[in-house]
C-alpha atoms as a PDB file:
ATOM      1  CA  MET A   1    -154.923  84.354  79.160  1.00  0.00           C
ATOM      2  CA  SER A   2    -151.678  83.768  81.508  1.00  0.00           C
ATOM      3  CA  VAL A   3    -151.486  83.083  85.043  1.00  0.00           C
ATOM      4  CA  GLY A   4    -149.160  83.407  87.827  1.00  0.00           C
ATOM      5  CA  ARG A   5    -147.336  80.477  89.626  1.00  0.00           C
ATOM      6  CA  SER A   6    -149.566  79.105  92.551  1.00  0.00           C
ATOM      7  CA  GLU A   7    -148.394  76.135  95.401  1.00  0.00           C
ATOM      8  CA  GLY A   8    -149.360  73.290  93.563  1.00  0.00           C
ATOM      9  CA  ASP A   9    -149.422  73.950  90.143  1.00  0.00           C
ATOM     10  CA  SER A  10    -149.011  71.863  87.277  1.00  0.00           C
ATOM     11  CA  TRP A  11    -148.219  71.516  83.767  1.00  0.00           C
ATOM     12  CA  GLY A  12    -147.746  69.260  80.601  1.00  0.00           C
ATOM     13  CA  PRO A  13    -145.384  70.128  77.547  1.00  0.00           C
ATOM     14  CA  ALA A  14    -147.650  72.503  75.731  1.00  0.00           C
ATOM     15  CA  SER A  15    -148.693  75.002  78.824  1.00  0.00           C
ATOM     16  CA  GLY A  16    -147.063  77.000  81.401  1.00  0.00           C
ATOM     17  CA  VAL A  17    -143.762  76.050  82.505  1.00  0.00           C
ATOM     18  CA  GLY A  18    -143.765  72.934  80.401  1.00  0.00           C
ATOM     19  CA  ALA A  19    -144.252  75.137  77.436  1.00  0.00           C
ATOM     20  CA  THR A  20    -140.485  76.429  77.942  1.00  0.00           C
ATOM     21  CA  ALA A  21    -139.241  73.199  77.929  1.00  0.00           C
ATOM     22  CA  THR A  22    -140.779  72.566  74.593  1.00  0.00           C
ATOM     23  CA  MET A  23    -139.295  76.127  73.008  1.00  0.00           C
ATOM     24  CA  VAL A  24    -135.769  74.656  74.443  1.00  0.00           C
ATOM     25  CA  ALA A  25    -136.490  71.025  72.374  1.00  0.00           C
ATOM     26  CA  ALA A  26    -137.386  73.759  69.485  1.00  0.00           C
ATOM     27  CA  SER A  27    -133.852  75.653  69.915  1.00  0.00           C
ATOM     28  CA  ARG A  28    -132.079  72.102  70.040  1.00  0.00           C
ATOM     29  CA  ALA A  29    -134.048  70.618  67.267  1.00  0.00           C
ATOM     30  CA  VAL A  30    -132.882  74.203  65.037  1.00  0.00           C
ATOM     31  CA  ALA A  31    -129.110  73.382  66.135  1.00  0.00           C
ATOM     32  CA  SER A  32    -129.230  69.619  64.934  1.00  0.00           C
ATOM     33  CA  GLN A  33    -130.383  70.988  61.375  1.00  0.00           C
ATOM     34  CA  GLY A  34    -128.438  71.085  58.235  1.00  0.00           C
ATOM     35  CA  PRO A  35    -125.023  69.819  56.975  1.00  0.00           C
ATOM     36  CA  ASN A  36    -123.144  71.919  59.172  1.00  0.00           C
ATOM     37  CA  ALA A  37    -125.177  71.207  62.333  1.00  0.00           C
ATOM     38  CA  LEU A  38    -124.171  72.365  65.881  1.00  0.00           C
ATOM     39  CA  LEU A  39    -125.984  69.380  67.914  1.00  0.00           C
ATOM     40  CA  ASP A  40    -127.089  65.808  67.087  1.00  0.00           C
ATOM     41  CA  ASP A  41    -130.079  65.604  68.777  1.00  0.00           C
ATOM     42  CA  PRO A  42    -132.835  63.678  66.248  1.00  0.00           C
ATOM     43  CA  LEU A  43    -135.155  63.107  68.887  1.00  0.00           C
ATOM     44  CA  ALA A  44    -136.122  66.972  69.385  1.00  0.00           C
ATOM     45  CA  GLU A  45    -137.599  67.825  66.258  1.00  0.00           C
ATOM     46  CA  PRO A  46    -140.230  64.936  66.597  1.00  0.00           C
ATOM     47  CA  LEU A  47    -141.051  66.210  70.211  1.00  0.00           C
ATOM     48  CA  VAL A  48    -141.965  69.430  69.450  1.00  0.00           C
ATOM     49  CA  ARG A  49    -144.062  68.148  66.745  1.00  0.00           C
ATOM     50  CA  ALA A  50    -145.689  65.827  68.561  1.00  0.00           C
ATOM     51  CA  VAL A  51    -146.594  69.050  71.328  1.00  0.00           C
ATOM     52  CA  GLY A  52    -148.196  70.400  68.468  1.00  0.00           C
ATOM     53  CA  LEU A  53    -147.522  74.303  69.364  1.00  0.00           C
ATOM     54  CA  GLU A  54    -147.795  76.087  66.524  1.00  0.00           C
ATOM     55  CA  PRO A  55    -145.055  78.901  67.174  1.00  0.00           C
ATOM     56  CA  PHE A  56    -142.732  75.840  68.091  1.00  0.00           C
ATOM     57  CA  ILE A  57    -143.223  73.927  64.896  1.00  0.00           C
ATOM     58  CA  ARG A  58    -143.045  77.444  62.714  1.00  0.00           C
ATOM     59  CA  ILE A  59    -139.395  77.979  64.317  1.00  0.00           C
ATOM     60  CA  VAL A  60    -138.528  74.145  63.795  1.00  0.00           C
ATOM     61  CA  ASP A  61    -139.835  74.882  59.732  1.00  0.00           C
ATOM     62  CA  GLY A  62    -137.615  77.670  59.566  1.00  0.00           C
ATOM     63  CA  GLN A  63    -140.532  80.038  59.171  1.00  0.00           C
ATOM     64  CA  VAL A  64    -139.866  82.299  61.978  1.00  0.00           C
ATOM     65  CA  ASP A  65    -136.329  83.908  62.501  1.00  0.00           C
ATOM     66  CA  PHE A  66    -135.913  87.707  63.903  1.00  0.00           C
ATOM     67  CA  GLU A  67    -132.646  88.645  61.948  1.00  0.00           C
ATOM     68  CA  ASP A  68    -132.917  91.857  63.953  1.00  0.00           C
ATOM     69  CA  ASP A  69    -133.216  90.359  67.186  1.00  0.00           C
ATOM     70  CA  PRO A  70    -130.184  90.013  69.413  1.00  0.00           C
ATOM     71  CA  LEU A  71    -131.722  87.039  71.356  1.00  0.00           C
ATOM     72  CA  PHE A  72    -134.152  85.742  68.931  1.00  0.00           C
ATOM     73  CA  ASN A  73    -132.381  85.074  65.764  1.00  0.00           C
ATOM     74  CA  ARG A  74    -132.080  81.795  64.575  1.00  0.00           C
ATOM     75  CA  LYS A  75    -128.386  82.038  64.577  1.00  0.00           C
ATOM     76  CA  ALA A  76    -127.981  83.134  68.568  1.00  0.00           C
ATOM     77  CA  ARG A  77    -130.860  80.658  69.903  1.00  0.00           C
ATOM     78  CA  ALA A  78    -128.970  77.442  68.088  1.00  0.00           C
ATOM     79  CA  GLU A  79    -125.315  79.011  69.667  1.00  0.00           C
ATOM     80  CA  GLN A  80    -126.694  79.784  72.998  1.00  0.00           C
ATOM     81  CA  ILE A  81    -128.803  75.921  72.986  1.00  0.00           C
ATOM     82  CA  THR A  82    -125.322  74.634  71.718  1.00  0.00           C
ATOM     83  CA  VAL A  83    -123.131  75.966  74.447  1.00  0.00           C
ATOM     84  CA  ARG A  84    -126.184  74.605  77.046  1.00  0.00           C
ATOM     85  CA  THR A  85    -126.282  70.984  75.678  1.00  0.00           C
ATOM     86  CA  ARG A  86    -122.335  70.509  75.088  1.00  0.00           C
ATOM     87  CA  PHE A  87    -121.877  71.603  78.786  1.00  0.00           C
ATOM     88  CA  PHE A  88    -124.104  68.941  80.205  1.00  0.00           C
ATOM     89  CA  ASP A  89    -123.645  66.305  77.859  1.00  0.00           C
ATOM     90  CA  ASP A  90    -119.722  66.858  78.568  1.00  0.00           C
ATOM     91  CA  PHE A  91    -120.616  66.958  82.405  1.00  0.00           C
ATOM     92  CA  PHE A  92    -122.217  63.192  81.936  1.00  0.00           C
ATOM     93  CA  ILE A  93    -119.724  61.807  80.009  1.00  0.00           C
ATOM     94  CA  GLY A  94    -116.753  63.072  82.313  1.00  0.00           C
ATOM     95  CA  ALA A  95    -118.868  61.617  85.252  1.00  0.00           C
ATOM     96  CA  THR A  96    -119.107  58.296  83.462  1.00  0.00           C
ATOM     97  CA  LYS A  97    -115.748  58.075  82.689  1.00  0.00           C
ATOM     98  CA  ASP A  98    -114.448  58.623  86.056  1.00  0.00           C
ATOM     99  CA  GLY A  99    -117.124  55.522  87.263  1.00  0.00           C
ATOM    100  CA  VAL A 100    -120.253  56.915  87.913  1.00  0.00           C
ATOM    101  CA  ARG A 101    -123.053  55.015  86.680  1.00  0.00           C
ATOM    102  CA  GLN A 102    -125.722  56.827  88.200  1.00  0.00           C
ATOM    103  CA  ALA A 103    -127.471  59.876  86.891  1.00  0.00           C
ATOM    104  CA  VAL A 104    -130.239  62.288  87.762  1.00  0.00           C
ATOM    105  CA  ILE A 105    -132.264  64.664  85.180  1.00  0.00           C
ATOM    106  CA  LEU A 106    -133.658  66.878  87.275  1.00  0.00           C
ATOM    107  CA  ALA A 107    -136.961  68.805  85.918  1.00  0.00           C
ATOM    108  CA  SER A 108    -135.921  66.725  82.794  1.00  0.00           C
ATOM    109  CA  GLY A 109    -138.635  68.053  80.378  1.00  0.00           C
ATOM    110  CA  LEU A 110    -137.940  67.072  76.797  1.00  0.00           C
ATOM    111  CA  ASP A 111    -134.511  66.359  77.439  1.00  0.00           C
ATOM    112  CA  THR A 112    -133.070  63.067  75.209  1.00  0.00           C
ATOM    113  CA  ARG A 113    -129.959  62.291  76.746  1.00  0.00           C
ATOM    114  CA  ALA A 114    -131.152  59.128  78.067  1.00  0.00           C
ATOM    115  CA  TYR A 115    -131.627  58.369  74.359  1.00  0.00           C
ATOM    116  CA  ARG A 116    -128.771  59.827  72.811  1.00  0.00           C
ATOM    117  CA  LEU A 117    -125.830  59.666  74.821  1.00  0.00           C
ATOM    118  CA  ARG A 118    -123.711  56.559  74.643  1.00  0.00           C
ATOM    119  CA  TRP A 119    -123.759  55.215  78.422  1.00  0.00           C
ATOM    120  CA  PRO A 120    -121.482  52.806  79.684  1.00  0.00           C
ATOM    121  CA  ALA A 121    -122.971  49.335  80.726  1.00  0.00           C
ATOM    122  CA  GLY A 122    -124.285  49.159  84.036  1.00  0.00           C
ATOM    123  CA  ALA A 123    -125.536  52.956  84.079  1.00  0.00           C
ATOM    124  CA  VAL A 124    -129.184  54.173  85.027  1.00  0.00           C
ATOM    125  CA  VAL A 125    -130.585  57.086  84.333  1.00  0.00           C
ATOM    126  CA  TYR A 126    -133.690  58.656  86.476  1.00  0.00           C
ATOM    127  CA  GLU A 127    -135.302  61.466  84.972  1.00  0.00           C
ATOM    128  CA  ILE A 128    -137.902  63.348  87.308  1.00  0.00           C
ATOM    129  CA  ASP A 129    -140.872  65.493  86.375  1.00  0.00           C
ATOM    130  CA  GLN A 130    -144.254  66.094  86.317  1.00  0.00           C
ATOM    131  CA  PRO A 131    -146.369  63.119  85.771  1.00  0.00           C
ATOM    132  CA  GLN A 132    -147.855  64.930  82.662  1.00  0.00           C
ATOM    133  CA  VAL A 133    -144.390  65.310  80.823  1.00  0.00           C
ATOM    134  CA  ILE A 134    -143.097  62.257  81.951  1.00  0.00           C
ATOM    135  CA  ALA A 135    -146.139  60.194  80.050  1.00  0.00           C
ATOM    136  CA  PHE A 136    -145.621  62.461  77.345  1.00  0.00           C
ATOM    137  CA  LYS A 137    -142.301  62.161  76.592  1.00  0.00           C
ATOM    138  CA  THR A 138    -141.861  58.325  77.244  1.00  0.00           C
ATOM    139  CA  ASP A 139    -145.301  57.306  75.284  1.00  0.00           C
ATOM    140  CA  THR A 140    -143.972  59.570  72.217  1.00  0.00           C
ATOM    141  CA  LEU A 141    -140.386  58.258  72.288  1.00  0.00           C
ATOM    142  CA  ALA A 142    -141.909  55.093  72.473  1.00  0.00           C
ATOM    143  CA  GLY A 143    -144.075  55.264  69.254  1.00  0.00           C
ATOM    144  CA  LEU A 144    -141.264  56.624  67.396  1.00  0.00           C
ATOM    145  CA  GLY A 145    -139.319  53.450  68.232  1.00  0.00           C
ATOM    146  CA  ALA A 146    -136.717  55.170  70.395  1.00  0.00           C
ATOM    147  CA  ALA A 147    -135.007  53.001  72.773  1.00  0.00           C
ATOM    148  CA  PRO A 148    -132.879  54.406  75.667  1.00  0.00           C
ATOM    149  CA  THR A 149    -128.954  53.852  75.418  1.00  0.00           C
ATOM    150  CA  ALA A 150    -128.988  53.343  79.567  1.00  0.00           C
ATOM    151  CA  GLU A 151    -131.483  51.973  81.796  1.00  0.00           C
ATOM    152  CA  ARG A 152    -133.961  54.965  82.266  1.00  0.00           C
ATOM    153  CA  ARG A 153    -136.024  55.101  85.391  1.00  0.00           C
ATOM    154  CA  ALA A 154    -138.654  57.771  85.404  1.00  0.00           C
ATOM    155  CA  ILE A 155    -140.318  59.497  88.213  1.00  0.00           C
ATOM    156  CA  ALA A 156    -143.464  61.094  87.973  1.00  0.00           C
ATOM    157  CA  ILE A 157    -143.430  63.827  90.387  1.00  0.00           C
ATOM    158  CA  ASP A 158    -143.200  67.198  91.013  1.00  0.00           C
ATOM    159  CA  LEU A 159    -140.364  68.760  92.435  1.00  0.00           C
ATOM    160  CA  ARG A 160    -141.697  70.685  95.190  1.00  0.00           C
ATOM    161  CA  ASP A 161    -143.052  67.019  96.781  1.00  0.00           C
ATOM    162  CA  ASP A 162    -141.506  64.609  98.797  1.00  0.00           C
ATOM    163  CA  TRP A 163    -139.188  63.654  95.152  1.00  0.00           C
ATOM    164  CA  PRO A 164    -136.241  62.095  97.608  1.00  0.00           C
ATOM    165  CA  ALA A 165    -138.447  59.107  98.722  1.00  0.00           C
ATOM    166  CA  ALA A 166    -139.742  58.936  95.055  1.00  0.00           C
ATOM    167  CA  LEU A 167    -136.400  58.298  94.001  1.00  0.00           C
ATOM    168  CA  ARG A 168    -135.466  55.880  96.763  1.00  0.00           C
ATOM    169  CA  ASP A 169    -138.724  54.096  95.780  1.00  0.00           C
ATOM    170  CA  GLY A 170    -137.673  53.530  91.993  1.00  0.00           C
ATOM    171  CA  GLY A 171    -134.306  52.097  92.852  1.00  0.00           C
ATOM    172  CA  PHE A 172    -132.086  55.105  93.733  1.00  0.00           C
ATOM    173  CA  ASP A 173    -128.898  53.311  95.539  1.00  0.00           C
ATOM    174  CA  VAL A 174    -127.639  56.495  98.186  1.00  0.00           C
ATOM    175  CA  THR A 175    -124.206  54.216  98.749  1.00  0.00           C
ATOM    176  CA  LYS A 176    -123.407  55.348  95.071  1.00  0.00           C
ATOM    177  CA  PRO A 177    -121.615  58.305  93.452  1.00  0.00           C
ATOM    178  CA  THR A 178    -124.155  60.243  91.141  1.00  0.00           C
ATOM    179  CA  ALA A 179    -123.858  62.603  88.611  1.00  0.00           C
ATOM    180  CA  TRP A 180    -126.899  65.168  88.983  1.00  0.00           C
ATOM    181  CA  SER A 181    -127.774  67.748  87.112  1.00  0.00           C
ATOM    182  CA  ALA A 182    -130.498  70.760  87.479  1.00  0.00           C
ATOM    183  CA  GLU A 183    -130.289  72.330  83.544  1.00  0.00           C
ATOM    184  CA  GLY A 184    -132.670  75.570  82.969  1.00  0.00           C
ATOM    185  CA  LEU A 185    -134.140  74.979  86.525  1.00  0.00           C
ATOM    186  CA  LEU A 186    -133.536  77.377  89.305  1.00  0.00           C
ATOM    187  CA  PRO A 187    -135.416  80.517  88.216  1.00  0.00           C
ATOM    188  CA  TYR A 188    -138.725  78.224  88.218  1.00  0.00           C
ATOM    189  CA  LEU A 189    -138.201  77.648  91.957  1.00  0.00           C
ATOM    190  CA  PRO A 190    -139.070  79.901  94.816  1.00  0.00           C
ATOM    191  CA  PRO A 191    -135.718  81.034  96.491  1.00  0.00           C
ATOM    192  CA  GLU A 192    -136.942  78.547  99.569  1.00  0.00           C
ATOM    193  CA  ALA A 193    -137.216  75.409  97.084  1.00  0.00           C
ATOM    194  CA  GLN A 194    -133.798  76.151  95.153  1.00  0.00           C
ATOM    195  CA  ASP A 195    -132.279  75.656  98.662  1.00  0.00           C
ATOM    196  CA  ARG A 196    -133.876  72.378  99.891  1.00  0.00           C
ATOM    197  CA  LEU A 197    -133.209  71.345  95.912  1.00  0.00           C
ATOM    198  CA  PHE A 198    -129.422  71.329  97.036  1.00  0.00           C
ATOM    199  CA  ASP A 199    -130.101  70.353 100.705  1.00  0.00           C
ATOM    200  CA  ASN A 200    -131.669  67.381  99.316  1.00  0.00           C
ATOM    201  CA  ILE A 201    -129.159  66.454  96.637  1.00  0.00           C
ATOM    202  CA  THR A 202    -126.341  66.952  99.291  1.00  0.00           C
ATOM    203  CA  ALA A 203    -128.327  64.434 101.743  1.00  0.00           C
ATOM    204  CA  LEU A 204    -128.834  61.713  98.996  1.00  0.00           C
ATOM    205  CA  SER A 205    -125.418  62.044  97.274  1.00  0.00           C
ATOM    206  CA  ALA A 206    -122.519  59.816  98.267  1.00  0.00           C
ATOM    207  CA  PRO A 207    -119.053  60.869  98.177  1.00  0.00           C
ATOM    208  CA  GLY A 208    -117.588  61.791  94.799  1.00  0.00           C
ATOM    209  CA  SER A 209    -120.972  62.735  93.353  1.00  0.00           C
ATOM    210  CA  ARG A 210    -121.383  65.905  90.573  1.00  0.00           C
ATOM    211  CA  LEU A 211    -123.759  68.215  90.351  1.00  0.00           C
ATOM    212  CA  ALA A 212    -124.102  70.297  87.289  1.00  0.00           C
ATOM    213  CA  THR A 213    -126.160  73.371  87.224  1.00  0.00           C
ATOM    214  CA  GLU A 214    -126.161  77.202  86.458  1.00  0.00           C
ATOM    215  CA  HIS A 215    -124.709  80.578  88.643  1.00  0.00           C
ATOM    216  CA  VAL A 216    -125.855  83.899  88.160  1.00  0.00           C
ATOM    217  CA  PRO A 217    -123.906  86.407  90.290  1.00  0.00           C
ATOM    218  CA  ASP A 218    -126.467  88.951  89.785  1.00  0.00           C
ATOM    219  CA  PRO A 219    -130.142  88.496  91.969  1.00  0.00           C
ATOM    220  CA  ASP A 220    -131.728  90.775  89.647  1.00  0.00           C
ATOM    221  CA  VAL A 221    -130.925  89.274  86.234  1.00  0.00           C
ATOM    222  CA  PHE A 222    -134.725  88.556  85.924  1.00  0.00           C
ATOM    223  CA  SER A 223    -135.507  92.055  86.647  1.00  0.00           C
ATOM    224  CA  GLU A 224    -139.381  93.227  85.774  1.00  0.00           C
ATOM    225  CA  GLU A 225    -137.895  95.270  83.086  1.00  0.00           C
ATOM    226  CA  ARG A 226    -136.020  91.941  81.306  1.00  0.00           C
ATOM    227  CA  LEU A 227    -138.854  89.896  82.526  1.00  0.00           C
ATOM    228  CA  ARG A 228    -141.005  92.246  80.303  1.00  0.00           C
ATOM    229  CA  ARG A 229    -139.040  92.286  77.204  1.00  0.00           C
ATOM    230  CA  ILE A 230    -138.685  88.546  77.311  1.00  0.00           C
ATOM    231  CA  SER A 231    -142.375  88.057  77.468  1.00  0.00           C
ATOM    232  CA  GLU A 232    -142.697  90.599  74.583  1.00  0.00           C
ATOM    233  CA  ARG A 233    -140.307  88.561  72.602  1.00  0.00           C
ATOM    234  CA  TRP A 234    -142.397  85.097  73.320  1.00  0.00           C
ATOM    235  CA  GLN A 235    -145.791  87.155  71.963  1.00  0.00           C
ATOM    236  CA  ARG A 236    -143.707  87.813  68.862  1.00  0.00           C
ATOM    237  CA  LEU A 237    -143.752  84.174  68.106  1.00  0.00           C
ATOM    238  CA  GLY A 238    -147.060  83.831  68.925  1.00  0.00           C
ATOM    239  CA  PHE A 239    -146.644  82.268  72.882  1.00  0.00           C
ATOM    240  CA  ASP A 240    -149.110  83.555  74.636  1.00  0.00           C
ATOM    241  CA  LEU A 241    -147.327  83.666  78.223  1.00  0.00           C
ATOM    242  CA  ASP A 242    -146.103  86.206  80.134  1.00  0.00           C
ATOM    243  CA  ALA A 243    -142.439  85.842  81.879  1.00  0.00           C
ATOM    244  CA  ALA A 244    -143.239  87.324  85.034  1.00  0.00           C
ATOM    245  CA  ASP A 245    -145.687  84.823  85.466  1.00  0.00           C
ATOM    246  CA  LEU A 246    -143.504  81.706  85.481  1.00  0.00           C
ATOM    247  CA  PHE A 247    -140.112  83.314  87.029  1.00  0.00           C
ATOM    248  CA  TYR A 248    -139.477  83.322  90.946  1.00  0.00           C
ATOM    249  CA  ARG A 249    -137.933  86.465  91.938  1.00  0.00           C
ATOM    250  CA  GLY A 250    -136.933  87.625  95.154  1.00  0.00           C
ATOM    251  CA  GLU A 251    -133.394  87.557  97.235  1.00  0.00           C
ATOM    252  CA  ARG A 252    -131.936  84.062  97.236  1.00  0.00           C
ATOM    253  CA  ASN A 253    -128.622  82.260  97.546  1.00  0.00           C
ATOM    254  CA  VAL A 254    -126.144  82.289  95.390  1.00  0.00           C
ATOM    255  CA  VAL A 255    -125.418  78.876  93.972  1.00  0.00           C
ATOM    256  CA  VAL A 256    -121.489  78.910  94.266  1.00  0.00           C
ATOM    257  CA  ASP A 257    -121.348  79.964  97.601  1.00  0.00           C
ATOM    258  CA  TYR A 258    -124.647  77.658  98.939  1.00  0.00           C
ATOM    259  CA  LEU A 259    -122.726  74.607  97.561  1.00  0.00           C
ATOM    260  CA  SER A 260    -119.450  75.337  98.356  1.00  0.00           C
ATOM    261  CA  THR A 261    -120.455  75.794 102.154  1.00  0.00           C
ATOM    262  CA  HIS A 262    -122.333  72.355 101.901  1.00  0.00           C
ATOM    263  CA  GLY A 263    -118.899  70.378 101.307  1.00  0.00           C
ATOM    264  CA  TRP A 264    -119.187  70.886  97.351  1.00  0.00           C
ATOM    265  CA  GLN A 265    -115.939  71.603  95.406  1.00  0.00           C
ATOM    266  CA  VAL A 266    -117.366  73.986  93.025  1.00  0.00           C
ATOM    267  CA  THR A 267    -115.630  75.689  89.195  1.00  0.00           C
ATOM    268  CA  THR A 268    -117.542  77.632  87.451  1.00  0.00           C
ATOM    269  CA  HIS A 269    -117.072  77.800  83.337  1.00  0.00           C
ATOM    270  CA  PRO A 270    -118.239  81.895  82.232  1.00  0.00           C
ATOM    271  CA  VAL A 271    -120.402  81.495  79.372  1.00  0.00           C
ATOM    272  CA  ARG A 272    -118.076  83.788  77.933  1.00  0.00           C
ATOM    273  CA  GLU A 273    -115.211  81.407  77.754  1.00  0.00           C
ATOM    274  CA  LEU A 274    -117.265  78.488  76.848  1.00  0.00           C
ATOM    275  CA  TYR A 275    -118.215  80.116  73.556  1.00  0.00           C
ATOM    276  CA  ALA A 276    -115.094  80.706  72.767  1.00  0.00           C
ATOM    277  CA  GLN A 277    -113.971  76.946  73.158  1.00  0.00           C
ATOM    278  CA  ASN A 278    -117.107  76.118  71.460  1.00  0.00           C
ATOM    279  CA  GLY A 279    -115.823  78.837  68.625  1.00  0.00           C
ATOM    280  CA  PHE A 280    -118.361  81.314  68.609  1.00  0.00           C
ATOM    281  CA  GLU A 281    -118.366  84.881  69.418  1.00  0.00           C
ATOM    282  CA  PHE A 282    -119.980  85.966  72.183  1.00  0.00           C
ATOM    283  CA  PRO A 283    -122.065  89.133  71.071  1.00  0.00           C
ATOM    284  CA  GLU A 284    -121.555  92.617  73.130  1.00  0.00           C
ATOM    285  CA  ASP A 285    -125.142  93.598  72.629  1.00  0.00           C
ATOM    286  CA  GLU A 286    -128.381  92.695  74.565  1.00  0.00           C
ATOM    287  CA  MET A 287    -127.477  89.111  74.817  1.00  0.00           C
ATOM    288  CA  ALA A 288    -124.096  90.413  77.138  1.00  0.00           C
ATOM    289  CA  ALA A 289    -126.545  92.100  79.402  1.00  0.00           C
ATOM    290  CA  THR A 290    -128.891  89.411  79.978  1.00  0.00           C
ATOM    291  CA  PHE A 291    -126.506  86.711  79.973  1.00  0.00           C
ATOM    292  CA  GLY A 292    -122.949  88.121  80.276  1.00  0.00           C
ATOM    293  CA  GLU A 293    -122.630  86.710  83.611  1.00  0.00           C
ATOM    294  CA  LEU A 294    -123.828  83.380  83.492  1.00  0.00           C
ATOM    295  CA  SER A 295    -121.621  80.665  84.253  1.00  0.00           C
ATOM    296  CA  TYR A 296    -122.060  77.180  84.106  1.00  0.00           C
ATOM    297  CA  VAL A 297    -121.234  75.014  87.487  1.00  0.00           C
ATOM    298  CA  ALA A 298    -119.510  71.732  87.658  1.00  0.00           C
ATOM    299  CA  ALA A 299    -119.357  70.426  91.354  1.00  0.00           C
ATOM    300  CA  THR A 300    -117.703  67.408  92.864  1.00  0.00           C
ATOM    301  CA  LEU A 301    -118.868  66.381  96.931  1.00  0.00           C
ATOM    302  CA  ALA A 302    -115.703  65.842  98.623  1.00  0.00           C
END
């Protein structure tokens, strides 16, 4: 039985919001399979198997493919996650090429960039997420013999709590430029928490810091009807969650406008253009209705 979000709620990789991170990892695992793999994330699949949620294991094993579904068929999911993953990968790689040696991955979930990207010498990567999620990933990857490719510092704290203090306590240097990512995070925050997140990032950032996130100009993109259809898809997978219980709806500030008025120079990358750059054709069907106006954002603090 699914339950709604509440103040102070928590989760691990097999429950609530945490299970959606496992779903994303399952998509990365699928995109990393085969001789013509779109991604190279060898840790995604063992992480999904370690979580143990049967619907996602069946996806990874190729036992589930809704070929008639424009959003959930195997090809569409692989291309969608490839566009997203490559954007954030390239963001971090580009920042390090410009001399940034400090990175923060907010709501890191089952993200494996601290283990699979080629970080330069001296790079420090902070991962912030719920204590259960941090502990699971750290222990699982250690058990697999995986070693971080940068100095990884895990900060186990809820983003609704005083994570800036925890980050500083973990050695974060506010005088150095930082590369921040907020990937797939914003809909899970109340509107005021989204503003507070960006305010905290700005306060912690030295000039030249970078930020990557998503921007959806339509505030009603997660309408009641769309959330219902997402939930129906999840339930077809055997994943018993109601999307309306996970996403915070209501009026919120537009990401691009908010960052621009807080000192960030913002560049938007429309998802349709990123599909073309990756050699994919953006499907003009329900995918367009749901994600057609999405842009990924790269910003630099002046």
